[in-house]
C-alpha atoms as a PDB file:
ATOM      1  CA  UNK A   1       6.680  14.990  11.953  1.00  0.00           C
ATOM      2  CA  UNK A   2       4.645  14.075   8.884  1.00  0.00           C
ATOM      3  CA  UNK A   3       3.830  15.695   5.589  1.00  0.00           C
ATOM      4  CA  UNK A   4       0.332  15.829   4.148  1.00  0.00           C
ATOM      5  CA  UNK A   5      -0.846  16.798   0.676  1.00  0.00           C
ATOM      6  CA  UNK A   6      -3.542  19.328  -0.228  1.00  0.00           C
ATOM      7  CA  UNK A   7      -5.350  18.005  -3.294  1.00  0.00           C
ATOM      8  CA  UNK A   8      -7.808  20.282  -5.090  1.00  0.00           C
ATOM      9  CA  UNK A   9     -10.392  18.004  -6.665  1.00  0.00           C
ATOM     10  CA  UNK A  10     -12.869  20.589  -8.026  1.00  0.00           C
ATOM     11  CA  UNK A  11     -12.445  24.335  -8.460  1.00  0.00           C
ATOM     12  CA  UNK A  12     -14.804  25.883 -10.972  1.00  0.00           C
ATOM     13  CA  UNK A  13     -17.881  28.084 -11.266  1.00  0.00           C
ATOM     14  CA  UNK A  14     -18.671  28.489  -7.593  1.00  0.00           C
ATOM     15  CA  UNK A  15     -17.826  24.927  -6.600  1.00  0.00           C
ATOM     16  CA  UNK A  16     -14.795  23.852  -4.601  1.00  0.00           C
ATOM     17  CA  UNK A  17     -13.755  20.507  -3.132  1.00  0.00           C
ATOM     18  CA  UNK A  18     -10.297  19.627  -1.815  1.00  0.00           C
ATOM     19  CA  UNK A  19      -8.868  17.175   0.664  1.00  0.00           C
ATOM     20  CA  UNK A  20      -5.824  16.725   2.864  1.00  0.00           C
ATOM     21  CA  UNK A  21      -4.207  13.280   2.474  1.00  0.00           C
ATOM     22  CA  UNK A  22      -1.570  11.385   4.356  1.00  0.00           C
ATOM     23  CA  UNK A  23       1.305   9.454   2.748  1.00  0.00           C
ATOM     24  CA  UNK A  24      -0.913   6.360   2.368  1.00  0.00           C
ATOM     25  CA  UNK A  25      -3.509   8.365   0.418  1.00  0.00           C
ATOM     26  CA  UNK A  26      -6.058   8.448   3.237  1.00  0.00           C
ATOM     27  CA  UNK A  27      -8.117  11.647   3.439  1.00  0.00           C
ATOM     28  CA  UNK A  28      -7.871  13.204   6.896  1.00  0.00           C
ATOM     29  CA  UNK A  29      -9.927  16.349   6.158  1.00  0.00           C
ATOM     30  CA  UNK A  30     -12.094  17.663   3.340  1.00  0.00           C
ATOM     31  CA  UNK A  31     -12.613  21.303   2.389  1.00  0.00           C
ATOM     32  CA  UNK A  32     -15.818  22.277   0.607  1.00  0.00           C
ATOM     33  CA  UNK A  33     -16.902  25.743  -0.441  1.00  0.00           C
ATOM     34  CA  UNK A  34     -19.475  27.493  -2.587  1.00  0.00           C
ATOM     35  CA  UNK A  35     -22.118  25.269  -4.191  1.00  0.00           C
ATOM     36  CA  UNK A  36     -20.604  22.178  -2.544  1.00  0.00           C
ATOM     37  CA  UNK A  37     -21.731  23.208   0.950  1.00  0.00           C
ATOM     38  CA  UNK A  38     -24.970  22.021   2.493  1.00  0.00           C
ATOM     39  CA  UNK A  39     -27.586  24.512   3.635  1.00  0.00           C
ATOM     40  CA  UNK A  40     -26.296  24.776   7.212  1.00  0.00           C
ATOM     41  CA  UNK A  41     -22.602  24.196   6.460  1.00  0.00           C
ATOM     42  CA  UNK A  42     -19.744  26.691   6.395  1.00  0.00           C
ATOM     43  CA  UNK A  43     -16.248  26.324   5.026  1.00  0.00           C
ATOM     44  CA  UNK A  44     -13.015  27.165   6.878  1.00  0.00           C
ATOM     45  CA  UNK A  45     -12.844  30.183   4.539  1.00  0.00           C
ATOM     46  CA  UNK A  46     -16.309  31.373   5.591  1.00  0.00           C
ATOM     47  CA  UNK A  47     -15.358  30.881   9.236  1.00  0.00           C
ATOM     48  CA  UNK A  48     -12.136  32.903   8.808  1.00  0.00           C
ATOM     49  CA  UNK A  49      -9.631  30.105   9.347  1.00  0.00           C
ATOM     50  CA  UNK A  50      -8.452  30.316   5.729  1.00  0.00           C
ATOM     51  CA  UNK A  51      -8.042  33.567   3.749  1.00  0.00           C
ATOM     52  CA  UNK A  52      -8.973  31.755   0.504  1.00  0.00           C
ATOM     53  CA  UNK A  53      -9.410  28.159  -0.642  1.00  0.00           C
ATOM     54  CA  UNK A  54      -5.698  27.771  -1.397  1.00  0.00           C
ATOM     55  CA  UNK A  55      -4.487  29.171   1.961  1.00  0.00           C
ATOM     56  CA  UNK A  56      -2.465  26.169   3.106  1.00  0.00           C
ATOM     57  CA  UNK A  57      -0.965  28.009   6.099  1.00  0.00           C
ATOM     58  CA  UNK A  58      -4.429  28.872   7.431  1.00  0.00           C
ATOM     59  CA  UNK A  59      -5.637  25.315   6.843  1.00  0.00           C
ATOM     60  CA  UNK A  60      -2.580  23.902   8.611  1.00  0.00           C
ATOM     61  CA  UNK A  61      -3.208  26.115  11.669  1.00  0.00           C
ATOM     62  CA  UNK A  62      -6.877  25.122  11.677  1.00  0.00           C
ATOM     63  CA  UNK A  63      -6.081  21.394  11.544  1.00  0.00           C
ATOM     64  CA  UNK A  64      -3.531  21.838  14.345  1.00  0.00           C
ATOM     65  CA  UNK A  65      -6.291  23.458  16.434  1.00  0.00           C
ATOM     66  CA  UNK A  66      -8.586  20.509  15.634  1.00  0.00           C
ATOM     67  CA  UNK A  67      -5.750  18.130  16.646  1.00  0.00           C
ATOM     68  CA  UNK A  68      -5.851  16.456  13.222  1.00  0.00           C
ATOM     69  CA  UNK A  69      -2.206  17.500  12.795  1.00  0.00           C
ATOM     70  CA  UNK A  70       0.587  17.445  15.350  1.00  0.00           C
ATOM     71  CA  UNK A  71       3.158  20.214  15.892  1.00  0.00           C
ATOM     72  CA  UNK A  72       5.806  19.843  13.190  1.00  0.00           C
ATOM     73  CA  UNK A  73       3.416  18.315  10.651  1.00  0.00           C
ATOM     74  CA  UNK A  74       3.187  20.179   7.353  1.00  0.00           C
ATOM     75  CA  UNK A  75       0.632  20.470   4.581  1.00  0.00           C
ATOM     76  CA  UNK A  76       2.194  20.699   1.132  1.00  0.00           C
ATOM     77  CA  UNK A  77       0.715  21.494  -2.262  1.00  0.00           C
ATOM     78  CA  UNK A  78      -0.182  18.419  -4.280  1.00  0.00           C
ATOM     79  CA  UNK A  79       2.884  18.856  -6.489  1.00  0.00           C
ATOM     80  CA  UNK A  80       5.295  19.308  -3.563  1.00  0.00           C
ATOM     81  CA  UNK A  81       3.699  16.432  -1.641  1.00  0.00           C
ATOM     82  CA  UNK A  82       4.024  14.019  -4.560  1.00  0.00           C
ATOM     83  CA  UNK A  83       7.644  15.098  -5.116  1.00  0.00           C
ATOM     84  CA  UNK A  84       8.346  14.548  -1.402  1.00  0.00           C
ATOM     85  CA  UNK A  85       6.797  11.047  -1.572  1.00  0.00           C
ATOM     86  CA  UNK A  86       8.945  10.156  -4.593  1.00  0.00           C
ATOM     87  CA  UNK A  87      12.116  11.406  -2.899  1.00  0.00           C
ATOM     88  CA  UNK A  88      11.279   9.439   0.248  1.00  0.00           C
ATOM     89  CA  UNK A  89      10.634   6.273  -1.782  1.00  0.00           C
ATOM     90  CA  UNK A  90      13.918   6.736  -3.687  1.00  0.00           C
ATOM     91  CA  UNK A  91      15.840   7.225  -0.434  1.00  0.00           C
ATOM     92  CA  UNK A  92      14.195   4.135   1.082  1.00  0.00           C
ATOM     93  CA  UNK A  93      15.096   2.048  -1.988  1.00  0.00           C
ATOM     94  CA  UNK A  94      18.696   3.224  -1.861  1.00  0.00           C
ATOM     95  CA  UNK A  95      18.925   2.424   1.847  1.00  0.00           C
ATOM     96  CA  UNK A  96      17.561  -1.090   1.236  1.00  0.00           C
ATOM     97  CA  UNK A  97      19.802  -1.786  -1.769  1.00  0.00           C
ATOM     98  CA  UNK A  98      22.472  -4.422  -1.114  1.00  0.00           C
ATOM     99  CA  UNK A  99      25.945  -3.029  -0.701  1.00  0.00           C
ATOM    100  CA  UNK A 100      28.781  -4.584  -2.735  1.00  0.00           C
END
């Protein structure tokens, strides 16, 4: 089970770009909508997989269908993902700390 972060990089005036990142910061999927789509491209929103560009549950189901996520994996908002990474790092540091 792994957590992934949903990072919205651009969301203004008809343009939208976001990506899903793993704990190492690697992008595993990119979401584009509006003016950021090519002529023959469609977004997961256009295709009905997401209700809107911030529909993390719809995106998670879609990426499970694509086998980019495994059952039990979760996509978190950027804020929740970064908090989760910090808590994991703190727990790892405490576990590695020498005991008196």
